[in-house]
Amino acid sequence: MDLFKKILLMIVSPGIGWERINKLSIPTRIMLGNVFYPTLAVVALSVFVRLFYDDDLTLTRTLINAIIAFTSYFFAFHISSGVMNFFLPGENQEAKDRMDNLLLFGLEFLALLNVINNLLPSSFAILDLLNLYVGFIIYTGLNYINYEGKPWVFVVGTSAMLLLIPIIIKSILEISLCRII
């Protein structure tokens, strides 16, 4: 539960959150197992709430949407981790874990926004704009990963990657799975 408090602190005040996370030195596998995967399960389950207020949805379509929601964030992490470790290889395992944790916190924030969006009966533009806050989370995490290059290139590139990869995966899965139904 303490880890969830750190995530909430990360969302509310990323600068202080990164300082506290830096003291903990959390391995990525613990972040994945204790935080990220359970959050993805909540994202998938929150899709079913739409059955209560969207009359056009069927149970089959909702199940497919839940699978797509889970899968898009799952693969987004693994793809973005592979890309970042290819272009910015860490010197040791701790540096790779720090980069992966940075990506995880960005995706965790986006997944939580997705849960909120699923729980609301209509779309709000402010939630779509809040997706850009992931850039601020990444910017404040530059000291955490000890990044010494051009900060704006890194922040914009990483933010774009974290925002676009789930959308691309979701689009591909929707097109391919809709043909099955």
N, C-alpha and C. Protein backbone atom coordinates (compact mmCIF):
# COMPACT_ATOMS: atom_id res chain seq x y z
N MET A 1 0.82 -1.19 0.00
CA MET A 1 0.00 0.00 0.00
C MET A 1 0.86 1.25 0.00
N ASP A 2 2.04 1.15 0.59
CA ASP A 2 2.93 2.29 0.64
C ASP A 2 3.36 2.70 -0.76
N LEU A 3 3.49 1.73 -1.65
CA LEU A 3 3.88 2.02 -3.02
C LEU A 3 2.79 2.81 -3.74
N PHE A 4 1.52 2.51 -3.45
CA PHE A 4 0.43 3.28 -4.05
C PHE A 4 0.44 4.73 -3.57
N LYS A 5 0.83 4.95 -2.32
CA LYS A 5 0.94 6.31 -1.80
C LYS A 5 2.03 7.07 -2.57
N LYS A 6 3.11 6.37 -2.87
CA LYS A 6 4.20 6.99 -3.64
C LYS A 6 3.73 7.37 -5.04
N ILE A 7 2.89 6.52 -5.62
CA ILE A 7 2.38 6.81 -6.96
C ILE A 7 1.46 8.02 -6.92
N LEU A 8 0.60 8.08 -5.93
CA LEU A 8 -0.27 9.25 -5.80
C LEU A 8 0.54 10.51 -5.55
N LEU A 9 1.60 10.40 -4.75
CA LEU A 9 2.48 11.54 -4.54
C LEU A 9 3.16 11.93 -5.84
N MET A 10 3.51 10.92 -6.65
CA MET A 10 4.14 11.18 -7.94
C MET A 10 3.21 11.97 -8.85
N ILE A 11 1.94 11.67 -8.79
CA ILE A 11 0.97 12.37 -9.64
C ILE A 11 0.74 13.79 -9.14
N VAL A 12 0.58 13.93 -7.84
CA VAL A 12 0.28 15.25 -7.27
C VAL A 12 1.51 16.15 -7.29
N SER A 13 2.66 15.63 -6.91
CA SER A 13 3.89 16.41 -6.86
C SER A 13 5.05 15.56 -7.36
N PRO A 14 5.26 15.53 -8.67
CA PRO A 14 6.29 14.64 -9.23
C PRO A 14 7.70 14.89 -8.69
N GLY A 15 8.06 16.13 -8.41
CA GLY A 15 9.40 16.41 -7.90
C GLY A 15 9.66 15.71 -6.58
N ILE A 16 8.74 15.86 -5.64
CA ILE A 16 8.88 15.20 -4.34
C ILE A 16 8.74 13.69 -4.49
N GLY A 17 7.85 13.26 -5.37
CA GLY A 17 7.67 11.84 -5.61
C GLY A 17 8.93 11.17 -6.11
N TRP A 18 9.63 11.80 -7.05
CA TRP A 18 10.87 11.21 -7.57
C TRP A 18 11.93 11.16 -6.49
N GLU A 19 11.98 12.17 -5.61
CA GLU A 19 12.96 12.14 -4.51
C GLU A 19 12.71 10.94 -3.60
N ARG A 20 11.46 10.69 -3.27
CA ARG A 20 11.14 9.56 -2.39
C ARG A 20 11.38 8.22 -3.09
N ILE A 21 11.04 8.15 -4.37
CA ILE A 21 11.27 6.93 -5.13
C ILE A 21 12.77 6.66 -5.24
N ASN A 22 13.55 7.73 -5.39
CA ASN A 22 15.00 7.59 -5.48
C ASN A 22 15.58 6.96 -4.22
N LYS A 23 15.03 7.29 -3.06
CA LYS A 23 15.51 6.73 -1.80
C LYS A 23 15.17 5.24 -1.69
N LEU A 24 14.05 4.83 -2.29
CA LEU A 24 13.61 3.44 -2.18
C LEU A 24 14.40 2.48 -3.07
N SER A 25 14.81 2.95 -4.24
CA SER A 25 15.51 2.12 -5.21
C SER A 25 14.73 0.84 -5.51
N ILE A 26 13.55 1.00 -6.10
CA ILE A 26 12.63 -0.11 -6.35
C ILE A 26 13.01 -0.82 -7.65
N PRO A 27 13.20 -2.13 -7.61
CA PRO A 27 13.45 -2.87 -8.86
C PRO A 27 12.18 -2.87 -9.74
N THR A 28 12.39 -2.91 -11.03
CA THR A 28 11.28 -2.86 -11.97
C THR A 28 10.32 -4.03 -11.80
N ARG A 29 10.83 -5.20 -11.52
CA ARG A 29 9.95 -6.37 -11.39
C ARG A 29 8.96 -6.19 -10.24
N ILE A 30 9.37 -5.50 -9.18
CA ILE A 30 8.45 -5.23 -8.07
C ILE A 30 7.41 -4.21 -8.49
N MET A 31 7.83 -3.19 -9.22
CA MET A 31 6.88 -2.19 -9.73
C MET A 31 5.88 -2.84 -10.67
N LEU A 32 6.36 -3.73 -11.51
CA LEU A 32 5.46 -4.40 -12.44
C LEU A 32 4.45 -5.26 -11.70
N GLY A 33 4.92 -6.12 -10.83
CA GLY A 33 4.06 -7.07 -10.15
C GLY A 33 3.14 -6.47 -9.10
N ASN A 34 3.62 -5.47 -8.38
CA ASN A 34 2.83 -4.91 -7.28
C ASN A 34 2.00 -3.70 -7.65
N VAL A 35 2.34 -3.03 -8.74
CA VAL A 35 1.63 -1.80 -9.08
C VAL A 35 1.07 -1.82 -10.50
N PHE A 36 1.93 -2.02 -11.48
CA PHE A 36 1.51 -1.82 -12.87
C PHE A 36 0.50 -2.85 -13.34
N TYR A 37 0.78 -4.13 -13.14
CA TYR A 37 -0.15 -5.16 -13.59
C TYR A 37 -1.49 -5.10 -12.86
N PRO A 38 -1.51 -4.87 -11.54
CA PRO A 38 -2.82 -4.68 -10.89
C PRO A 38 -3.58 -3.47 -11.43
N THR A 39 -2.86 -2.41 -11.76
CA THR A 39 -3.52 -1.24 -12.34
C THR A 39 -4.10 -1.57 -13.70
N LEU A 40 -3.38 -2.37 -14.48
CA LEU A 40 -3.91 -2.77 -15.78
C LEU A 40 -5.16 -3.63 -15.62
N ALA A 41 -5.19 -4.44 -14.58
CA ALA A 41 -6.40 -5.22 -14.30
C ALA A 41 -7.57 -4.30 -13.96
N VAL A 42 -7.30 -3.25 -13.21
CA VAL A 42 -8.35 -2.27 -12.88
C VAL A 42 -8.81 -1.55 -14.14
N VAL A 43 -7.87 -1.22 -15.03
CA VAL A 43 -8.24 -0.60 -16.31
C VAL A 43 -9.18 -1.51 -17.08
N ALA A 44 -8.82 -2.78 -17.17
CA ALA A 44 -9.66 -3.74 -17.90
C ALA A 44 -11.03 -3.89 -17.25
N LEU A 45 -11.07 -3.96 -15.94
CA LEU A 45 -12.36 -4.10 -15.24
C LEU A 45 -13.21 -2.83 -15.35
N SER A 46 -12.55 -1.68 -15.40
CA SER A 46 -13.32 -0.43 -15.50
C SER A 46 -14.05 -0.31 -16.83
N VAL A 47 -13.60 -1.04 -17.84
CA VAL A 47 -14.28 -1.03 -19.13
C VAL A 47 -15.70 -1.57 -18.99
N PHE A 48 -15.90 -2.51 -18.08
CA PHE A 48 -17.21 -3.12 -17.88
C PHE A 48 -18.24 -2.15 -17.28
N VAL A 49 -17.77 -1.07 -16.65
CA VAL A 49 -18.69 -0.07 -16.10
C VAL A 49 -19.50 0.58 -17.22
N ARG A 50 -18.91 0.64 -18.39
CA ARG A 50 -19.61 1.25 -19.53
C ARG A 50 -20.88 0.51 -19.91
N LEU A 51 -20.99 -0.74 -19.52
CA LEU A 51 -22.21 -1.50 -19.79
C LEU A 51 -23.43 -0.87 -19.11
N PHE A 52 -23.22 -0.17 -18.01
CA PHE A 52 -24.32 0.43 -17.27
C PHE A 52 -24.89 1.67 -17.93
N TYR A 53 -24.11 2.37 -18.71
CA TYR A 53 -24.61 3.61 -19.30
C TYR A 53 -24.50 3.68 -20.82
N ASP A 54 -23.97 2.67 -21.47
CA ASP A 54 -23.90 2.65 -22.92
C ASP A 54 -24.74 1.47 -23.43
N ASP A 55 -25.91 1.78 -23.95
CA ASP A 55 -26.84 0.73 -24.38
C ASP A 55 -26.38 -0.01 -25.63
N ASP A 56 -25.47 0.57 -26.39
CA ASP A 56 -25.01 -0.05 -27.63
C ASP A 56 -23.97 -1.15 -27.41
N LEU A 57 -23.38 -1.20 -26.23
CA LEU A 57 -22.34 -2.20 -25.95
C LEU A 57 -22.94 -3.55 -25.62
N THR A 58 -22.29 -4.56 -26.13
CA THR A 58 -22.66 -5.94 -25.77
C THR A 58 -21.57 -6.47 -24.83
N LEU A 59 -21.87 -7.57 -24.18
CA LEU A 59 -20.90 -8.15 -23.28
C LEU A 59 -19.65 -8.62 -24.04
N THR A 60 -19.85 -9.16 -25.22
CA THR A 60 -18.72 -9.61 -26.04
C THR A 60 -17.83 -8.45 -26.43
N ARG A 61 -18.44 -7.38 -26.89
CA ARG A 61 -17.67 -6.20 -27.30
C ARG A 61 -16.95 -5.58 -26.10
N THR A 62 -17.59 -5.58 -24.95
CA THR A 62 -16.97 -5.04 -23.75
C THR A 62 -15.78 -5.89 -23.32
N LEU A 63 -15.92 -7.19 -23.42
CA LEU A 63 -14.81 -8.08 -23.09
C LEU A 63 -13.63 -7.84 -24.02
N ILE A 64 -13.91 -7.66 -25.29
CA ILE A 64 -12.84 -7.36 -26.25
C ILE A 64 -12.20 -6.01 -25.93
N ASN A 65 -13.01 -5.02 -25.57
CA ASN A 65 -12.46 -3.71 -25.19
C ASN A 65 -11.58 -3.82 -23.95
N ALA A 66 -11.96 -4.66 -23.00
CA ALA A 66 -11.16 -4.85 -21.78
C ALA A 66 -9.81 -5.49 -22.13
N ILE A 67 -9.84 -6.47 -23.01
CA ILE A 67 -8.60 -7.12 -23.44
C ILE A 67 -7.71 -6.13 -24.17
N ILE A 68 -8.31 -5.33 -25.01
CA ILE A 68 -7.55 -4.31 -25.75
C ILE A 68 -6.94 -3.29 -24.79
N ALA A 69 -7.70 -2.86 -23.80
CA ALA A 69 -7.20 -1.87 -22.84
C ALA A 69 -6.00 -2.42 -22.08
N PHE A 70 -6.12 -3.65 -21.59
CA PHE A 70 -5.02 -4.27 -20.86
C PHE A 70 -3.80 -4.44 -21.76
N THR A 71 -4.02 -5.00 -22.93
CA THR A 71 -2.93 -5.32 -23.84
C THR A 71 -2.20 -4.09 -24.34
N SER A 72 -2.93 -3.01 -24.60
CA SER A 72 -2.28 -1.81 -25.14
C SER A 72 -1.26 -1.24 -24.16
N TYR A 73 -1.59 -1.19 -22.87
CA TYR A 73 -0.63 -0.68 -21.89
C TYR A 73 0.47 -1.71 -21.59
N PHE A 74 0.11 -2.97 -21.58
CA PHE A 74 1.10 -4.02 -21.33
C PHE A 74 2.21 -3.96 -22.38
N PHE A 75 1.82 -3.97 -23.65
CA PHE A 75 2.82 -3.92 -24.71
C PHE A 75 3.47 -2.55 -24.83
N ALA A 76 2.76 -1.50 -24.46
CA ALA A 76 3.35 -0.17 -24.51
C ALA A 76 4.57 -0.09 -23.59
N PHE A 77 4.45 -0.69 -22.41
CA PHE A 77 5.61 -0.68 -21.52
C PHE A 77 6.77 -1.47 -22.12
N HIS A 78 6.50 -2.67 -22.59
CA HIS A 78 7.58 -3.51 -23.07
C HIS A 78 8.21 -2.96 -24.35
N ILE A 79 7.42 -2.37 -25.21
CA ILE A 79 7.98 -1.76 -26.42
C ILE A 79 8.79 -0.52 -26.07
N SER A 80 8.23 0.36 -25.23
CA SER A 80 8.95 1.58 -24.88
C SER A 80 10.22 1.26 -24.09
N SER A 81 10.17 0.24 -23.24
CA SER A 81 11.37 -0.18 -22.51
C SER A 81 12.45 -0.67 -23.48
N GLY A 82 12.05 -1.46 -24.45
CA GLY A 82 13.01 -1.94 -25.44
C GLY A 82 13.61 -0.81 -26.25
N VAL A 83 12.77 0.14 -26.65
CA VAL A 83 13.26 1.29 -27.43
C VAL A 83 14.24 2.12 -26.61
N MET A 84 13.86 2.42 -25.37
CA MET A 84 14.71 3.26 -24.53
C MET A 84 16.03 2.55 -24.18
N ASN A 85 15.96 1.26 -23.91
CA ASN A 85 17.20 0.54 -23.60
C ASN A 85 18.08 0.35 -24.83
N PHE A 86 17.49 0.42 -26.01
CA PHE A 86 18.28 0.35 -27.24
C PHE A 86 18.99 1.67 -27.49
N PHE A 87 18.24 2.79 -27.38
CA PHE A 87 18.82 4.10 -27.68
C PHE A 87 19.62 4.69 -26.52
N LEU A 88 19.23 4.37 -25.30
CA LEU A 88 19.94 4.88 -24.13
C LEU A 88 20.29 3.72 -23.20
N PRO A 89 21.21 2.87 -23.62
CA PRO A 89 21.51 1.70 -22.78
C PRO A 89 22.13 2.15 -21.46
N GLY A 90 21.66 1.55 -20.40
CA GLY A 90 22.21 1.88 -19.08
C GLY A 90 23.52 1.15 -18.86
N GLU A 91 24.35 1.74 -17.98
CA GLU A 91 25.63 1.13 -17.69
C GLU A 91 25.47 -0.14 -16.86
N ASN A 92 24.42 -0.18 -16.05
CA ASN A 92 24.21 -1.33 -15.16
C ASN A 92 22.71 -1.58 -15.02
N GLN A 93 22.37 -2.59 -14.25
CA GLN A 93 20.97 -2.96 -14.09
C GLN A 93 20.18 -1.87 -13.36
N GLU A 94 20.81 -1.17 -12.44
CA GLU A 94 20.10 -0.11 -11.72
C GLU A 94 19.69 1.02 -12.66
N ALA A 95 20.56 1.37 -13.61
CA ALA A 95 20.23 2.42 -14.57
C ALA A 95 19.07 1.98 -15.46
N LYS A 96 19.04 0.71 -15.86
CA LYS A 96 17.93 0.19 -16.66
C LYS A 96 16.64 0.17 -15.85
N ASP A 97 16.74 -0.22 -14.58
CA ASP A 97 15.56 -0.20 -13.72
C ASP A 97 15.02 1.21 -13.55
N ARG A 98 15.90 2.17 -13.41
CA ARG A 98 15.46 3.56 -13.25
C ARG A 98 14.73 4.05 -14.51
N MET A 99 15.26 3.70 -15.68
CA MET A 99 14.60 4.09 -16.93
C MET A 99 13.25 3.41 -17.04
N ASP A 100 13.20 2.12 -16.72
CA ASP A 100 11.93 1.40 -16.77
C ASP A 100 10.93 1.95 -15.77
N ASN A 101 11.39 2.33 -14.58
CA ASN A 101 10.49 2.92 -13.59
C ASN A 101 9.95 4.26 -14.06
N LEU A 102 10.78 5.03 -14.74
CA LEU A 102 10.32 6.30 -15.31
C LEU A 102 9.19 6.05 -16.30
N LEU A 103 9.38 5.06 -17.17
CA LEU A 103 8.36 4.72 -18.15
C LEU A 103 7.11 4.17 -17.46
N LEU A 104 7.31 3.36 -16.43
CA LEU A 104 6.18 2.79 -15.70
C LEU A 104 5.33 3.87 -15.03
N PHE A 105 5.97 4.86 -14.44
CA PHE A 105 5.19 5.91 -13.79
C PHE A 105 4.41 6.73 -14.80
N GLY A 106 5.00 6.96 -15.96
CA GLY A 106 4.26 7.67 -17.01
C GLY A 106 3.06 6.87 -17.49
N LEU A 107 3.27 5.59 -17.73
CA LEU A 107 2.17 4.74 -18.18
C LEU A 107 1.15 4.51 -17.07
N GLU A 108 1.60 4.46 -15.83
CA GLU A 108 0.68 4.32 -14.70
C GLU A 108 -0.28 5.51 -14.64
N PHE A 109 0.26 6.69 -14.84
CA PHE A 109 -0.58 7.89 -14.85
C PHE A 109 -1.59 7.82 -15.98
N LEU A 110 -1.15 7.43 -17.17
CA LEU A 110 -2.05 7.34 -18.31
C LEU A 110 -3.12 6.26 -18.09
N ALA A 111 -2.74 5.16 -17.46
CA ALA A 111 -3.70 4.09 -17.18
C ALA A 111 -4.75 4.57 -16.16
N LEU A 112 -4.33 5.32 -15.16
CA LEU A 112 -5.28 5.84 -14.17
C LEU A 112 -6.24 6.83 -14.82
N LEU A 113 -5.75 7.63 -15.75
CA LEU A 113 -6.65 8.52 -16.50
C LEU A 113 -7.65 7.71 -17.32
N ASN A 114 -7.20 6.60 -17.86
CA ASN A 114 -8.08 5.72 -18.62
C ASN A 114 -9.18 5.15 -17.73
N VAL A 115 -8.84 4.79 -16.50
CA VAL A 115 -9.84 4.29 -15.55
C VAL A 115 -10.89 5.37 -15.29
N ILE A 116 -10.44 6.57 -15.03
CA ILE A 116 -11.37 7.68 -14.77
C ILE A 116 -12.27 7.91 -15.98
N ASN A 117 -11.68 7.86 -17.16
CA ASN A 117 -12.44 8.05 -18.40
C ASN A 117 -13.48 6.95 -18.58
N ASN A 118 -13.14 5.73 -18.20
CA ASN A 118 -14.09 4.61 -18.32
C ASN A 118 -15.24 4.74 -17.32
N LEU A 119 -14.98 5.33 -16.19
CA LEU A 119 -16.01 5.44 -15.16
C LEU A 119 -17.02 6.56 -15.44
N LEU A 120 -16.64 7.50 -16.29
CA LEU A 120 -17.52 8.63 -16.59
C LEU A 120 -18.39 8.33 -17.81
N PRO A 121 -19.64 8.74 -17.77
CA PRO A 121 -20.54 8.42 -18.89
C PRO A 121 -20.26 9.22 -20.17
N SER A 122 -19.58 10.33 -20.05
CA SER A 122 -19.25 11.10 -21.25
C SER A 122 -17.79 11.54 -21.17
N SER A 123 -17.25 11.89 -22.31
CA SER A 123 -15.85 12.29 -22.39
C SER A 123 -15.70 13.76 -22.01
N PHE A 124 -14.65 14.05 -21.28
CA PHE A 124 -14.34 15.42 -20.91
C PHE A 124 -13.00 15.81 -21.51
N ALA A 125 -12.95 16.98 -22.12
CA ALA A 125 -11.73 17.43 -22.78
C ALA A 125 -10.58 17.60 -21.80
N ILE A 126 -10.88 17.96 -20.57
CA ILE A 126 -9.81 18.15 -19.59
C ILE A 126 -9.05 16.86 -19.34
N LEU A 127 -9.74 15.71 -19.39
CA LEU A 127 -9.04 14.44 -19.21
C LEU A 127 -8.09 14.16 -20.37
N ASP A 128 -8.49 14.56 -21.56
CA ASP A 128 -7.60 14.39 -22.70
C ASP A 128 -6.38 15.30 -22.58
N LEU A 129 -6.59 16.50 -22.07
CA LEU A 129 -5.46 17.42 -21.88
C LEU A 129 -4.54 16.96 -20.76
N LEU A 130 -5.09 16.29 -19.77
CA LEU A 130 -4.26 15.79 -18.66
C LEU A 130 -3.26 14.72 -19.13
N ASN A 131 -3.49 14.12 -20.28
CA ASN A 131 -2.52 13.18 -20.82
C ASN A 131 -1.16 13.84 -21.01
N LEU A 132 -1.17 15.14 -21.30
CA LEU A 132 0.09 15.85 -21.53
C LEU A 132 0.90 16.03 -20.24
N TYR A 133 0.26 15.83 -19.10
CA TYR A 133 0.95 15.93 -17.81
C TYR A 133 2.04 14.87 -17.69
N VAL A 134 1.95 13.82 -18.48
CA VAL A 134 2.98 12.79 -18.47
C VAL A 134 4.34 13.40 -18.83
N GLY A 135 4.34 14.42 -19.65
CA GLY A 135 5.59 15.12 -19.99
C GLY A 135 6.22 15.76 -18.77
N PHE A 136 5.40 16.33 -17.90
CA PHE A 136 5.91 16.95 -16.68
C PHE A 136 6.45 15.88 -15.73
N ILE A 137 5.77 14.75 -15.65
CA ILE A 137 6.26 13.65 -14.81
C ILE A 137 7.63 13.19 -15.30
N ILE A 138 7.78 13.10 -16.60
CA ILE A 138 9.06 12.67 -17.16
C ILE A 138 10.13 13.74 -16.96
N TYR A 139 9.75 14.99 -17.13
CA TYR A 139 10.71 16.09 -16.95
C TYR A 139 11.25 16.12 -15.52
N THR A 140 10.36 15.94 -14.56
CA THR A 140 10.81 15.96 -13.17
C THR A 140 11.61 14.69 -12.81
N GLY A 141 11.51 13.66 -13.62
CA GLY A 141 12.27 12.43 -13.38
C GLY A 141 13.64 12.39 -14.03
N LEU A 142 14.04 13.47 -14.68
CA LEU A 142 15.35 13.48 -15.34
C LEU A 142 16.49 13.30 -14.35
N ASN A 143 16.38 13.91 -13.18
CA ASN A 143 17.42 13.73 -12.16
C ASN A 143 17.43 12.30 -11.63
N TYR A 144 16.26 11.69 -11.56
CA TYR A 144 16.14 10.31 -11.07
C TYR A 144 16.92 9.35 -11.95
N ILE A 145 16.86 9.56 -13.26
CA ILE A 145 17.57 8.66 -14.18
C ILE A 145 18.97 9.18 -14.53
N ASN A 146 19.35 10.32 -13.96
CA ASN A 146 20.67 10.92 -14.19
C ASN A 146 20.90 11.20 -15.68
N TYR A 147 19.90 11.78 -16.32
CA TYR A 147 20.00 12.09 -17.75
C TYR A 147 20.82 13.35 -17.94
N GLU A 148 21.78 13.30 -18.85
CA GLU A 148 22.68 14.43 -19.06
C GLU A 148 22.63 14.99 -20.48
N GLY A 149 21.75 14.50 -21.32
CA GLY A 149 21.65 14.98 -22.69
C GLY A 149 20.74 16.20 -22.79
N LYS A 150 20.17 16.39 -23.95
CA LYS A 150 19.23 17.49 -24.17
C LYS A 150 17.89 17.13 -23.53
N PRO A 151 17.51 17.85 -22.48
CA PRO A 151 16.31 17.43 -21.74
C PRO A 151 15.03 17.52 -22.55
N TRP A 152 14.86 18.55 -23.36
CA TRP A 152 13.59 18.72 -24.07
C TRP A 152 13.40 17.68 -25.16
N VAL A 153 14.49 17.27 -25.77
CA VAL A 153 14.39 16.21 -26.78
C VAL A 153 13.95 14.91 -26.11
N PHE A 154 14.56 14.62 -24.96
CA PHE A 154 14.21 13.41 -24.23
C PHE A 154 12.76 13.45 -23.75
N VAL A 155 12.36 14.57 -23.15
CA VAL A 155 11.00 14.68 -22.59
C VAL A 155 9.95 14.58 -23.69
N VAL A 156 10.15 15.30 -24.77
CA VAL A 156 9.17 15.27 -25.86
C VAL A 156 9.14 13.90 -26.52
N GLY A 157 10.30 13.33 -26.78
CA GLY A 157 10.35 12.02 -27.41
C GLY A 157 9.74 10.92 -26.55
N THR A 158 10.09 10.91 -25.28
CA THR A 158 9.56 9.89 -24.37
C THR A 158 8.06 10.08 -24.15
N SER A 159 7.64 11.32 -23.98
CA SER A 159 6.21 11.58 -23.78
C SER A 159 5.41 11.17 -25.01
N ALA A 160 5.90 11.52 -26.19
CA ALA A 160 5.21 11.14 -27.43
C ALA A 160 5.14 9.62 -27.55
N MET A 161 6.23 8.95 -27.19
CA MET A 161 6.25 7.50 -27.27
C MET A 161 5.22 6.89 -26.31
N LEU A 162 5.17 7.39 -25.07
CA LEU A 162 4.23 6.85 -24.08
C LEU A 162 2.78 7.16 -24.44
N LEU A 163 2.56 8.28 -25.10
CA LEU A 163 1.20 8.63 -25.50
C LEU A 163 0.75 7.89 -26.75
N LEU A 164 1.67 7.71 -27.69
CA LEU A 164 1.28 7.15 -29.00
C LEU A 164 1.28 5.63 -29.05
N ILE A 165 2.20 4.98 -28.37
CA ILE A 165 2.27 3.51 -28.47
C ILE A 165 0.97 2.85 -28.03
N PRO A 166 0.37 3.23 -26.87
CA PRO A 166 -0.91 2.59 -26.53
C PRO A 166 -2.01 2.86 -27.54
N ILE A 167 -2.03 4.05 -28.11
CA ILE A 167 -3.05 4.39 -29.11
C ILE A 167 -2.86 3.55 -30.37
N ILE A 168 -1.62 3.40 -30.80
CA ILE A 168 -1.34 2.61 -32.00
C ILE A 168 -1.70 1.15 -31.78
N ILE A 169 -1.30 0.61 -30.63
CA ILE A 169 -1.63 -0.79 -30.32
C ILE A 169 -3.13 -0.97 -30.23
N LYS A 170 -3.81 -0.03 -29.58
CA LYS A 170 -5.27 -0.11 -29.46
C LYS A 170 -5.92 -0.10 -30.84
N SER A 171 -5.47 0.77 -31.72
CA SER A 171 -6.03 0.86 -33.07
C SER A 171 -5.82 -0.44 -33.85
N ILE A 172 -4.62 -0.98 -33.76
CA ILE A 172 -4.32 -2.23 -34.48
C ILE A 172 -5.19 -3.36 -33.96
N LEU A 173 -5.30 -3.46 -32.63
CA LEU A 173 -6.13 -4.54 -32.06
C LEU A 173 -7.60 -4.36 -32.37
N GLU A 174 -8.09 -3.12 -32.35
CA GLU A 174 -9.50 -2.91 -32.68
C GLU A 174 -9.80 -3.30 -34.10
N ILE A 175 -8.93 -2.94 -35.02
CA ILE A 175 -9.14 -3.29 -36.42
C ILE A 175 -9.10 -4.81 -36.61
N SER A 176 -8.11 -5.45 -36.00
CA SER A 176 -7.98 -6.89 -36.21
C SER A 176 -9.05 -7.69 -35.46
N LEU A 177 -9.42 -7.28 -34.24
CA LEU A 177 -10.42 -8.01 -33.49
C LEU A 177 -11.84 -7.74 -33.95
N CYS A 178 -12.09 -6.58 -34.51
CA CYS A 178 -13.43 -6.28 -35.02
C CYS A 178 -13.74 -7.11 -36.25
N ARG A 179 -12.73 -7.52 -36.98
CA ARG A 179 -12.97 -8.39 -38.13
C ARG A 179 -13.39 -9.78 -37.70
N ILE A 180 -12.97 -10.18 -36.52
CA ILE A 180 -13.32 -11.51 -36.00
C ILE A 180 -14.79 -11.57 -35.62
N ILE A 181 -15.29 -10.49 -35.07
CA ILE A 181 -16.67 -10.49 -34.57
C ILE A 181 -17.64 -10.35 -35.72
